[in-house]
């Protein structure tokens, strides 16, 4: 069903980057900081 169930049923708070994926749903500073191409 809805994506948020992945955390509820399987991941809990243990998967750090899954939480980051869920928290950064737009191209914000989190993703821009990880753009190696600009360097």
ModelCIF file with pLDDT and N, C-alpha, C, O atoms, coordinates in Angstrom:
data_MODEL
#
_entry.id   MODEL 
#
_entity.id                         1 
_entity.type                       polymer 
_entity.pdbx_number_of_molecules   1 
#
_entity_poly.entity_id                      1 
_entity_poly.type                           'polypeptide(L)' 
_entity_poly.nstd_linkage                   no 
_entity_poly.nstd_monomer                   no 
_entity_poly.pdbx_seq_one_letter_code       
;(UNK)(UNK)(UNK)(UNK)(UNK)(UNK)(UNK)(UNK)(UNK)(UNK)(UNK)(UNK)(UNK)(UNK)(UNK)(UNK)
(UNK)(UNK)(UNK)(UNK)(UNK)(UNK)(UNK)(UNK)(UNK)(UNK)(UNK)(UNK)(UNK)(UNK)(UNK)(UNK)
(UNK)(UNK)(UNK)(UNK)(UNK)(UNK)(UNK)
;
_entity_poly.pdbx_seq_one_letter_code_can   XXXXXXXXXXXXXXXXXXXXXXXXXXXXXXXXXXXXXXX 
_entity_poly.pdbx_strand_id                 A 
#
loop_
_entity_poly_seq.entity_id 
_entity_poly_seq.num 
_entity_poly_seq.mon_id 
_entity_poly_seq.hetero 
1 1  UNK n 
1 2  UNK n 
1 3  UNK n 
1 4  UNK n 
1 5  UNK n 
1 6  UNK n 
1 7  UNK n 
1 8  UNK n 
1 9  UNK n 
1 10 UNK n 
1 11 UNK n 
1 12 UNK n 
1 13 UNK n 
1 14 UNK n 
1 15 UNK n 
1 16 UNK n 
1 17 UNK n 
1 18 UNK n 
1 19 UNK n 
1 20 UNK n 
1 21 UNK n 
1 22 UNK n 
1 23 UNK n 
1 24 UNK n 
1 25 UNK n 
1 26 UNK n 
1 27 UNK n 
1 28 UNK n 
1 29 UNK n 
1 30 UNK n 
1 31 UNK n 
1 32 UNK n 
1 33 UNK n 
1 34 UNK n 
1 35 UNK n 
1 36 UNK n 
1 37 UNK n 
1 38 UNK n 
1 39 UNK n 
#
_struct_asym.id          A 
_struct_asym.entity_id   1 
#
loop_
_ma_qa_metric.id 
_ma_qa_metric.mode 
_ma_qa_metric.name 
_ma_qa_metric.software_group_id 
_ma_qa_metric.type 
1 global pLDDT . pLDDT 
2 local  pLDDT . pLDDT 
#
_ma_qa_metric_global.metric_id      1 
_ma_qa_metric_global.metric_value   96.31 
_ma_qa_metric_global.model_id       1 
_ma_qa_metric_global.ordinal_id     1 
#
loop_
_ma_qa_metric_local.label_asym_id 
_ma_qa_metric_local.label_comp_id 
_ma_qa_metric_local.label_seq_id 
_ma_qa_metric_local.metric_id 
_ma_qa_metric_local.metric_value 
_ma_qa_metric_local.model_id 
_ma_qa_metric_local.ordinal_id 
A UNK 1  2 98.00 1 1  
A UNK 2  2 98.00 1 2  
A UNK 3  2 97.00 1 3  
A UNK 4  2 96.00 1 4  
A UNK 5  2 97.00 1 5  
A UNK 6  2 97.00 1 6  
A UNK 7  2 95.00 1 7  
A UNK 8  2 95.00 1 8  
A UNK 9  2 96.00 1 9  
A UNK 10 2 96.00 1 10 
A UNK 11 2 95.00 1 11 
A UNK 12 2 93.00 1 12 
A UNK 13 2 91.00 1 13 
A UNK 14 2 91.00 1 14 
A UNK 15 2 95.00 1 15 
A UNK 16 2 95.00 1 16 
A UNK 17 2 96.00 1 17 
A UNK 18 2 97.00 1 18 
A UNK 19 2 97.00 1 19 
A UNK 20 2 97.00 1 20 
A UNK 21 2 97.00 1 21 
A UNK 22 2 97.00 1 22 
A UNK 23 2 97.00 1 23 
A UNK 24 2 97.00 1 24 
A UNK 25 2 97.00 1 25 
A UNK 26 2 98.00 1 26 
A UNK 27 2 98.00 1 27 
A UNK 28 2 97.00 1 28 
A UNK 29 2 97.00 1 29 
A UNK 30 2 97.00 1 30 
A UNK 31 2 97.00 1 31 
A UNK 32 2 97.00 1 32 
A UNK 33 2 97.00 1 33 
A UNK 34 2 97.00 1 34 
A UNK 35 2 97.00 1 35 
A UNK 36 2 97.00 1 36 
A UNK 37 2 97.00 1 37 
A UNK 38 2 96.00 1 38 
A UNK 39 2 97.00 1 39 
#
loop_
_atom_site.group_PDB 
_atom_site.id 
_atom_site.type_symbol 
_atom_site.label_atom_id 
_atom_site.label_alt_id 
_atom_site.label_comp_id 
_atom_site.label_asym_id 
_atom_site.label_entity_id 
_atom_site.label_seq_id 
_atom_site.pdbx_PDB_ins_code 
_atom_site.Cartn_x 
_atom_site.Cartn_y 
_atom_site.Cartn_z 
_atom_site.occupancy 
_atom_site.B_iso_or_equiv 
_atom_site.pdbx_formal_charge 
_atom_site.auth_seq_id 
_atom_site.auth_comp_id 
_atom_site.auth_asym_id 
_atom_site.auth_atom_id 
_atom_site.pdbx_PDB_model_num 
ATOM 1   N N  . UNK A 1 1  ? 0.814  -1.208 0.000   1.00 98.00 ? 1  UNK A N  1 
ATOM 2   C CA . UNK A 1 1  ? 0.000  0.000  0.000   1.00 98.00 ? 1  UNK A CA 1 
ATOM 3   C C  . UNK A 1 1  ? 0.847  1.258  0.000   1.00 98.00 ? 1  UNK A C  1 
ATOM 4   O O  . UNK A 1 1  ? 1.881  1.313  -0.666  1.00 98.00 ? 1  UNK A O  1 
ATOM 5   N N  . UNK A 1 2  ? 0.420  2.261  0.738   1.00 98.00 ? 2  UNK A N  1 
ATOM 6   C CA . UNK A 1 2  ? 1.144  3.528  0.797   1.00 98.00 ? 2  UNK A CA 1 
ATOM 7   C C  . UNK A 1 2  ? 2.576  3.305  1.266   1.00 98.00 ? 2  UNK A C  1 
ATOM 8   O O  . UNK A 1 2  ? 2.832  2.416  2.078   1.00 98.00 ? 2  UNK A O  1 
ATOM 9   N N  . UNK A 1 3  ? 3.505  4.100  0.763   1.00 97.00 ? 3  UNK A N  1 
ATOM 10  C CA . UNK A 1 3  ? 4.928  3.888  1.032   1.00 97.00 ? 3  UNK A CA 1 
ATOM 11  C C  . UNK A 1 3  ? 5.265  3.960  2.515   1.00 97.00 ? 3  UNK A C  1 
ATOM 12  O O  . UNK A 1 3  ? 6.180  3.275  2.972   1.00 97.00 ? 3  UNK A O  1 
ATOM 13  N N  . UNK A 1 4  ? 4.557  4.759  3.253   1.00 96.00 ? 4  UNK A N  1 
ATOM 14  C CA . UNK A 1 4  ? 4.915  4.905  4.661   1.00 96.00 ? 4  UNK A CA 1 
ATOM 15  C C  . UNK A 1 4  ? 4.793  3.594  5.429   1.00 96.00 ? 4  UNK A C  1 
ATOM 16  O O  . UNK A 1 4  ? 5.348  3.465  6.520   1.00 96.00 ? 4  UNK A O  1 
ATOM 17  N N  . UNK A 1 5  ? 4.072  2.617  4.874   1.00 97.00 ? 5  UNK A N  1 
ATOM 18  C CA . UNK A 1 5  ? 3.954  1.318  5.539   1.00 97.00 ? 5  UNK A CA 1 
ATOM 19  C C  . UNK A 1 5  ? 5.274  0.547  5.540   1.00 97.00 ? 5  UNK A C  1 
ATOM 20  O O  . UNK A 1 5  ? 5.467  -0.348 6.364   1.00 97.00 ? 5  UNK A O  1 
ATOM 21  N N  . UNK A 1 6  ? 6.186  0.887  4.620   1.00 97.00 ? 6  UNK A N  1 
ATOM 22  C CA . UNK A 1 6  ? 7.480  0.192  4.596   1.00 97.00 ? 6  UNK A CA 1 
ATOM 23  C C  . UNK A 1 6  ? 8.206  0.397  5.916   1.00 97.00 ? 6  UNK A C  1 
ATOM 24  O O  . UNK A 1 6  ? 8.786  -0.538 6.467   1.00 97.00 ? 6  UNK A O  1 
ATOM 25  N N  . UNK A 1 7  ? 8.170  1.612  6.413   1.00 95.00 ? 7  UNK A N  1 
ATOM 26  C CA . UNK A 1 7  ? 8.819  1.902  7.692   1.00 95.00 ? 7  UNK A CA 1 
ATOM 27  C C  . UNK A 1 7  ? 8.048  1.265  8.847   1.00 95.00 ? 7  UNK A C  1 
ATOM 28  O O  . UNK A 1 7  ? 8.647  0.724  9.777   1.00 95.00 ? 7  UNK A O  1 
ATOM 29  N N  . UNK A 1 8  ? 6.716  1.331  8.781   1.00 95.00 ? 8  UNK A N  1 
ATOM 30  C CA . UNK A 1 8  ? 5.885  0.792  9.861   1.00 95.00 ? 8  UNK A CA 1 
ATOM 31  C C  . UNK A 1 8  ? 6.029  -0.716 9.984   1.00 95.00 ? 8  UNK A C  1 
ATOM 32  O O  . UNK A 1 8  ? 6.101  -1.246 11.093  1.00 95.00 ? 8  UNK A O  1 
ATOM 33  N N  . UNK A 1 9  ? 6.073  -1.419 8.840   1.00 96.00 ? 9  UNK A N  1 
ATOM 34  C CA . UNK A 1 9  ? 6.018  -2.878 8.864   1.00 96.00 ? 9  UNK A CA 1 
ATOM 35  C C  . UNK A 1 9  ? 7.384  -3.552 8.802   1.00 96.00 ? 9  UNK A C  1 
ATOM 36  O O  . UNK A 1 9  ? 7.534  -4.691 9.244   1.00 96.00 ? 9  UNK A O  1 
ATOM 37  N N  . UNK A 1 10 ? 8.382  -2.856 8.255   1.00 96.00 ? 10 UNK A N  1 
ATOM 38  C CA . UNK A 1 10 ? 9.656  -3.529 8.003   1.00 96.00 ? 10 UNK A CA 1 
ATOM 39  C C  . UNK A 1 10 ? 10.870 -2.799 8.571   1.00 96.00 ? 10 UNK A C  1 
ATOM 40  O O  . UNK A 1 10 ? 11.674 -3.416 9.269   1.00 96.00 ? 10 UNK A O  1 
ATOM 41  N N  . UNK A 1 11 ? 11.024 -1.518 8.295   1.00 95.00 ? 11 UNK A N  1 
ATOM 42  C CA . UNK A 1 11 ? 12.290 -0.846 8.566   1.00 95.00 ? 11 UNK A CA 1 
ATOM 43  C C  . UNK A 1 11 ? 12.375 -0.198 9.948   1.00 95.00 ? 11 UNK A C  1 
ATOM 44  O O  . UNK A 1 11 ? 13.464 -0.081 10.511  1.00 95.00 ? 11 UNK A O  1 
ATOM 45  N N  . UNK A 1 12 ? 11.247 0.217  10.491  1.00 93.00 ? 12 UNK A N  1 
ATOM 46  C CA . UNK A 1 12 ? 11.307 0.988  11.718  1.00 93.00 ? 12 UNK A CA 1 
ATOM 47  C C  . UNK A 1 12 ? 12.157 2.237  11.507  1.00 93.00 ? 12 UNK A C  1 
ATOM 48  O O  . UNK A 1 12 ? 12.107 2.860  10.446  1.00 93.00 ? 12 UNK A O  1 
ATOM 49  N N  . UNK A 1 13 ? 12.933 2.597  12.522  1.00 91.00 ? 13 UNK A N  1 
ATOM 50  C CA . UNK A 1 13 ? 13.830 3.750  12.405  1.00 91.00 ? 13 UNK A CA 1 
ATOM 51  C C  . UNK A 1 13 ? 15.266 3.321  12.126  1.00 91.00 ? 13 UNK A C  1 
ATOM 52  O O  . UNK A 1 13 ? 16.177 4.146  12.195  1.00 91.00 ? 13 UNK A O  1 
ATOM 53  N N  . UNK A 1 14 ? 15.485 2.043  11.812  1.00 91.00 ? 14 UNK A N  1 
ATOM 54  C CA . UNK A 1 14 ? 16.850 1.528  11.735  1.00 91.00 ? 14 UNK A CA 1 
ATOM 55  C C  . UNK A 1 14 ? 17.566 1.867  10.428  1.00 91.00 ? 14 UNK A C  1 
ATOM 56  O O  . UNK A 1 14 ? 18.796 1.904  10.400  1.00 91.00 ? 14 UNK A O  1 
ATOM 57  N N  . UNK A 1 15 ? 16.821 2.118  9.339   1.00 95.00 ? 15 UNK A N  1 
ATOM 58  C CA . UNK A 1 15 ? 17.451 2.327  8.035   1.00 95.00 ? 15 UNK A CA 1 
ATOM 59  C C  . UNK A 1 15 ? 17.581 3.829  7.794   1.00 95.00 ? 15 UNK A C  1 
ATOM 60  O O  . UNK A 1 15 ? 16.638 4.484  7.350   1.00 95.00 ? 15 UNK A O  1 
ATOM 61  N N  . UNK A 1 16 ? 18.754 4.357  8.091   1.00 95.00 ? 16 UNK A N  1 
ATOM 62  C CA . UNK A 1 16 ? 18.984 5.801  8.078   1.00 95.00 ? 16 UNK A CA 1 
ATOM 63  C C  . UNK A 1 16 ? 18.680 6.423  6.720   1.00 95.00 ? 16 UNK A C  1 
ATOM 64  O O  . UNK A 1 16 ? 17.999 7.445  6.644   1.00 95.00 ? 16 UNK A O  1 
ATOM 65  N N  . UNK A 1 17 ? 19.182 5.809  5.645   1.00 96.00 ? 17 UNK A N  1 
ATOM 66  C CA . UNK A 1 17 ? 19.017 6.470  4.355   1.00 96.00 ? 17 UNK A CA 1 
ATOM 67  C C  . UNK A 1 17 ? 17.592 6.311  3.820   1.00 96.00 ? 17 UNK A C  1 
ATOM 68  O O  . UNK A 1 17 ? 17.128 7.170  3.071   1.00 96.00 ? 17 UNK A O  1 
ATOM 69  N N  . UNK A 1 18 ? 16.897 5.251  4.178   1.00 97.00 ? 18 UNK A N  1 
ATOM 70  C CA . UNK A 1 18 ? 15.481 5.160  3.806   1.00 97.00 ? 18 UNK A CA 1 
ATOM 71  C C  . UNK A 1 18 ? 14.722 6.341  4.428   1.00 97.00 ? 18 UNK A C  1 
ATOM 72  O O  . UNK A 1 18 ? 13.884 6.965  3.777   1.00 97.00 ? 18 UNK A O  1 
ATOM 73  N N  . UNK A 1 19 ? 15.026 6.632  5.686   1.00 97.00 ? 19 UNK A N  1 
ATOM 74  C CA . UNK A 1 19 ? 14.388 7.787  6.326   1.00 97.00 ? 19 UNK A CA 1 
ATOM 75  C C  . UNK A 1 19 ? 14.715 9.068  5.574   1.00 97.00 ? 19 UNK A C  1 
ATOM 76  O O  . UNK A 1 19 ? 13.856 9.933  5.402   1.00 97.00 ? 19 UNK A O  1 
ATOM 77  N N  . UNK A 1 20 ? 15.970 9.186  5.125   1.00 97.00 ? 20 UNK A N  1 
ATOM 78  C CA . UNK A 1 20 ? 16.361 10.383 4.367   1.00 97.00 ? 20 UNK A CA 1 
ATOM 79  C C  . UNK A 1 20 ? 15.594 10.471 3.054   1.00 97.00 ? 20 UNK A C  1 
ATOM 80  O O  . UNK A 1 20 ? 15.169 11.555 2.655   1.00 97.00 ? 20 UNK A O  1 
ATOM 81  N N  . UNK A 1 21 ? 15.415 9.339  2.382   1.00 97.00 ? 21 UNK A N  1 
ATOM 82  C CA . UNK A 1 21 ? 14.644 9.326  1.140   1.00 97.00 ? 21 UNK A CA 1 
ATOM 83  C C  . UNK A 1 21 ? 13.229 9.834  1.377   1.00 97.00 ? 21 UNK A C  1 
ATOM 84  O O  . UNK A 1 21 ? 12.692 10.598 0.576   1.00 97.00 ? 21 UNK A O  1 
ATOM 85  N N  . UNK A 1 22 ? 12.634 9.404  2.479   1.00 97.00 ? 22 UNK A N  1 
ATOM 86  C CA . UNK A 1 22 ? 11.264 9.797  2.784   1.00 97.00 ? 22 UNK A CA 1 
ATOM 87  C C  . UNK A 1 22 ? 11.158 11.265 3.202   1.00 97.00 ? 22 UNK A C  1 
ATOM 88  O O  . UNK A 1 22 ? 10.117 11.893 3.015   1.00 97.00 ? 22 UNK A O  1 
ATOM 89  N N  . UNK A 1 23 ? 12.230 11.803 3.764   1.00 97.00 ? 23 UNK A N  1 
ATOM 90  C CA . UNK A 1 23 ? 12.206 13.181 4.261   1.00 97.00 ? 23 UNK A CA 1 
ATOM 91  C C  . UNK A 1 23 ? 12.573 14.207 3.188   1.00 97.00 ? 23 UNK A C  1 
ATOM 92  O O  . UNK A 1 23 ? 12.288 15.395 3.344   1.00 97.00 ? 23 UNK A O  1 
ATOM 93  N N  . UNK A 1 24 ? 13.199 13.757 2.106   1.00 97.00 ? 24 UNK A N  1 
ATOM 94  C CA . UNK A 1 24 ? 13.684 14.695 1.084   1.00 97.00 ? 24 UNK A CA 1 
ATOM 95  C C  . UNK A 1 24 ? 13.051 14.338 -0.266  1.00 97.00 ? 24 UNK A C  1 
ATOM 96  O O  . UNK A 1 24 ? 13.697 13.773 -1.149  1.00 97.00 ? 24 UNK A O  1 
ATOM 97  N N  . UNK A 1 25 ? 11.787 14.681 -0.392  1.00 97.00 ? 25 UNK A N  1 
ATOM 98  C CA . UNK A 1 25 ? 11.024 14.336 -1.583  1.00 97.00 ? 25 UNK A CA 1 
ATOM 99  C C  . UNK A 1 25 ? 11.139 15.324 -2.723  1.00 97.00 ? 25 UNK A C  1 
ATOM 100 O O  . UNK A 1 25 ? 10.512 15.144 -3.766  1.00 97.00 ? 25 UNK A O  1 
ATOM 101 N N  . UNK A 1 26 ? 11.945 16.381 -2.535  1.00 98.00 ? 26 UNK A N  1 
ATOM 102 C CA . UNK A 1 26 ? 12.205 17.347 -3.597  1.00 98.00 ? 26 UNK A CA 1 
ATOM 103 C C  . UNK A 1 26 ? 13.716 17.537 -3.699  1.00 98.00 ? 26 UNK A C  1 
ATOM 104 O O  . UNK A 1 26 ? 14.470 17.061 -2.850  1.00 98.00 ? 26 UNK A O  1 
ATOM 105 N N  . UNK A 1 27 ? 14.146 18.234 -4.742  1.00 98.00 ? 27 UNK A N  1 
ATOM 106 C CA . UNK A 1 27 ? 15.574 18.490 -4.930  1.00 98.00 ? 27 UNK A CA 1 
ATOM 107 C C  . UNK A 1 27 ? 15.989 19.627 -4.005  1.00 98.00 ? 27 UNK A C  1 
ATOM 108 O O  . UNK A 1 27 ? 16.025 20.791 -4.404  1.00 98.00 ? 27 UNK A O  1 
ATOM 109 N N  . UNK A 1 28 ? 16.301 19.268 -2.762  1.00 97.00 ? 28 UNK A N  1 
ATOM 110 C CA . UNK A 1 28 ? 16.669 20.263 -1.755  1.00 97.00 ? 28 UNK A CA 1 
ATOM 111 C C  . UNK A 1 28 ? 18.178 20.235 -1.520  1.00 97.00 ? 28 UNK A C  1 
ATOM 112 O O  . UNK A 1 28 ? 18.917 19.610 -2.280  1.00 97.00 ? 28 UNK A O  1 
ATOM 113 N N  . UNK A 1 29 ? 18.628 20.907 -0.473  1.00 97.00 ? 29 UNK A N  1 
ATOM 114 C CA . UNK A 1 29 ? 20.069 20.991 -0.203  1.00 97.00 ? 29 UNK A CA 1 
ATOM 115 C C  . UNK A 1 29 ? 20.671 19.629 0.115   1.00 97.00 ? 29 UNK A C  1 
ATOM 116 O O  . UNK A 1 29 ? 21.861 19.415 -0.117  1.00 97.00 ? 29 UNK A O  1 
ATOM 117 N N  . UNK A 1 30 ? 19.873 18.702 0.642   1.00 97.00 ? 30 UNK A N  1 
ATOM 118 C CA . UNK A 1 30 ? 20.369 17.353 0.918   1.00 97.00 ? 30 UNK A CA 1 
ATOM 119 C C  . UNK A 1 30 ? 20.868 16.700 -0.363  1.00 97.00 ? 30 UNK A C  1 
ATOM 120 O O  . UNK A 1 30 ? 21.959 16.130 -0.385  1.00 97.00 ? 30 UNK A O  1 
ATOM 121 N N  . UNK A 1 31 ? 20.079 16.779 -1.428  1.00 97.00 ? 31 UNK A N  1 
ATOM 122 C CA . UNK A 1 31 ? 20.471 16.156 -2.694  1.00 97.00 ? 31 UNK A CA 1 
ATOM 123 C C  . UNK A 1 31 ? 21.534 16.986 -3.410  1.00 97.00 ? 31 UNK A C  1 
ATOM 124 O O  . UNK A 1 31 ? 22.459 16.426 -3.998  1.00 97.00 ? 31 UNK A O  1 
ATOM 125 N N  . UNK A 1 32 ? 21.417 18.290 -3.369  1.00 97.00 ? 32 UNK A N  1 
ATOM 126 C CA . UNK A 1 32 ? 22.389 19.133 -4.067  1.00 97.00 ? 32 UNK A CA 1 
ATOM 127 C C  . UNK A 1 32 ? 23.791 18.967 -3.489  1.00 97.00 ? 32 UNK A C  1 
ATOM 128 O O  . UNK A 1 32 ? 24.777 19.027 -4.224  1.00 97.00 ? 32 UNK A O  1 
ATOM 129 N N  . UNK A 1 33 ? 23.884 18.760 -2.177  1.00 97.00 ? 33 UNK A N  1 
ATOM 130 C CA . UNK A 1 33 ? 25.189 18.550 -1.554  1.00 97.00 ? 33 UNK A CA 1 
ATOM 131 C C  . UNK A 1 33 ? 25.852 17.274 -2.049  1.00 97.00 ? 33 UNK A C  1 
ATOM 132 O O  . UNK A 1 33 ? 27.072 17.128 -1.966  1.00 97.00 ? 33 UNK A O  1 
ATOM 133 N N  . UNK A 1 34 ? 25.049 16.354 -2.562  1.00 97.00 ? 34 UNK A N  1 
ATOM 134 C CA . UNK A 1 34 ? 25.563 15.065 -3.030  1.00 97.00 ? 34 UNK A CA 1 
ATOM 135 C C  . UNK A 1 34 ? 25.781 15.013 -4.539  1.00 97.00 ? 34 UNK A C  1 
ATOM 136 O O  . UNK A 1 34 ? 26.004 13.936 -5.091  1.00 97.00 ? 34 UNK A O  1 
ATOM 137 N N  . UNK A 1 35 ? 25.721 16.136 -5.197  1.00 97.00 ? 35 UNK A N  1 
ATOM 138 C CA . UNK A 1 35 ? 25.962 16.196 -6.638  1.00 97.00 ? 35 UNK A CA 1 
ATOM 139 C C  . UNK A 1 35 ? 27.459 16.324 -6.895  1.00 97.00 ? 35 UNK A C  1 
ATOM 140 O O  . UNK A 1 35 ? 28.000 17.429 -6.927  1.00 97.00 ? 35 UNK A O  1 
ATOM 141 N N  . UNK A 1 36 ? 28.111 15.204 -7.076  1.00 97.00 ? 36 UNK A N  1 
ATOM 142 C CA . UNK A 1 36 ? 29.557 15.211 -7.286  1.00 97.00 ? 36 UNK A CA 1 
ATOM 143 C C  . UNK A 1 36 ? 29.929 15.913 -8.587  1.00 97.00 ? 36 UNK A C  1 
ATOM 144 O O  . UNK A 1 36 ? 31.043 16.419 -8.720  1.00 97.00 ? 36 UNK A O  1 
ATOM 145 N N  . UNK A 1 37 ? 29.009 15.948 -9.545  1.00 97.00 ? 37 UNK A N  1 
ATOM 146 C CA . UNK A 1 37 ? 29.339 16.505 -10.862 1.00 97.00 ? 37 UNK A CA 1 
ATOM 147 C C  . UNK A 1 37 ? 29.706 17.985 -10.794 1.00 97.00 ? 37 UNK A C  1 
ATOM 148 O O  . UNK A 1 37 ? 30.502 18.452 -11.608 1.00 97.00 ? 37 UNK A O  1 
ATOM 149 N N  . UNK A 1 38 ? 29.150 18.728 -9.852  1.00 96.00 ? 38 UNK A N  1 
ATOM 150 C CA . UNK A 1 38 ? 29.459 20.157 -9.778  1.00 96.00 ? 38 UNK A CA 1 
ATOM 151 C C  . UNK A 1 38 ? 30.896 20.403 -9.318  1.00 96.00 ? 38 UNK A C  1 
ATOM 152 O O  . UNK A 1 38 ? 31.400 21.521 -9.425  1.00 96.00 ? 38 UNK A O  1 
ATOM 153 N N  . UNK A 1 39 ? 31.556 19.360 -8.806  1.00 97.00 ? 39 UNK A N  1 
ATOM 154 C CA . UNK A 1 39 ? 32.931 19.487 -8.325  1.00 97.00 ? 39 UNK A CA 1 
ATOM 155 C C  . UNK A 1 39 ? 33.960 18.934 -9.320  1.00 97.00 ? 39 UNK A C  1 
ATOM 156 O O  . UNK A 1 39 ? 35.161 18.972 -9.052  1.00 97.00 ? 39 UNK A O  1 
#
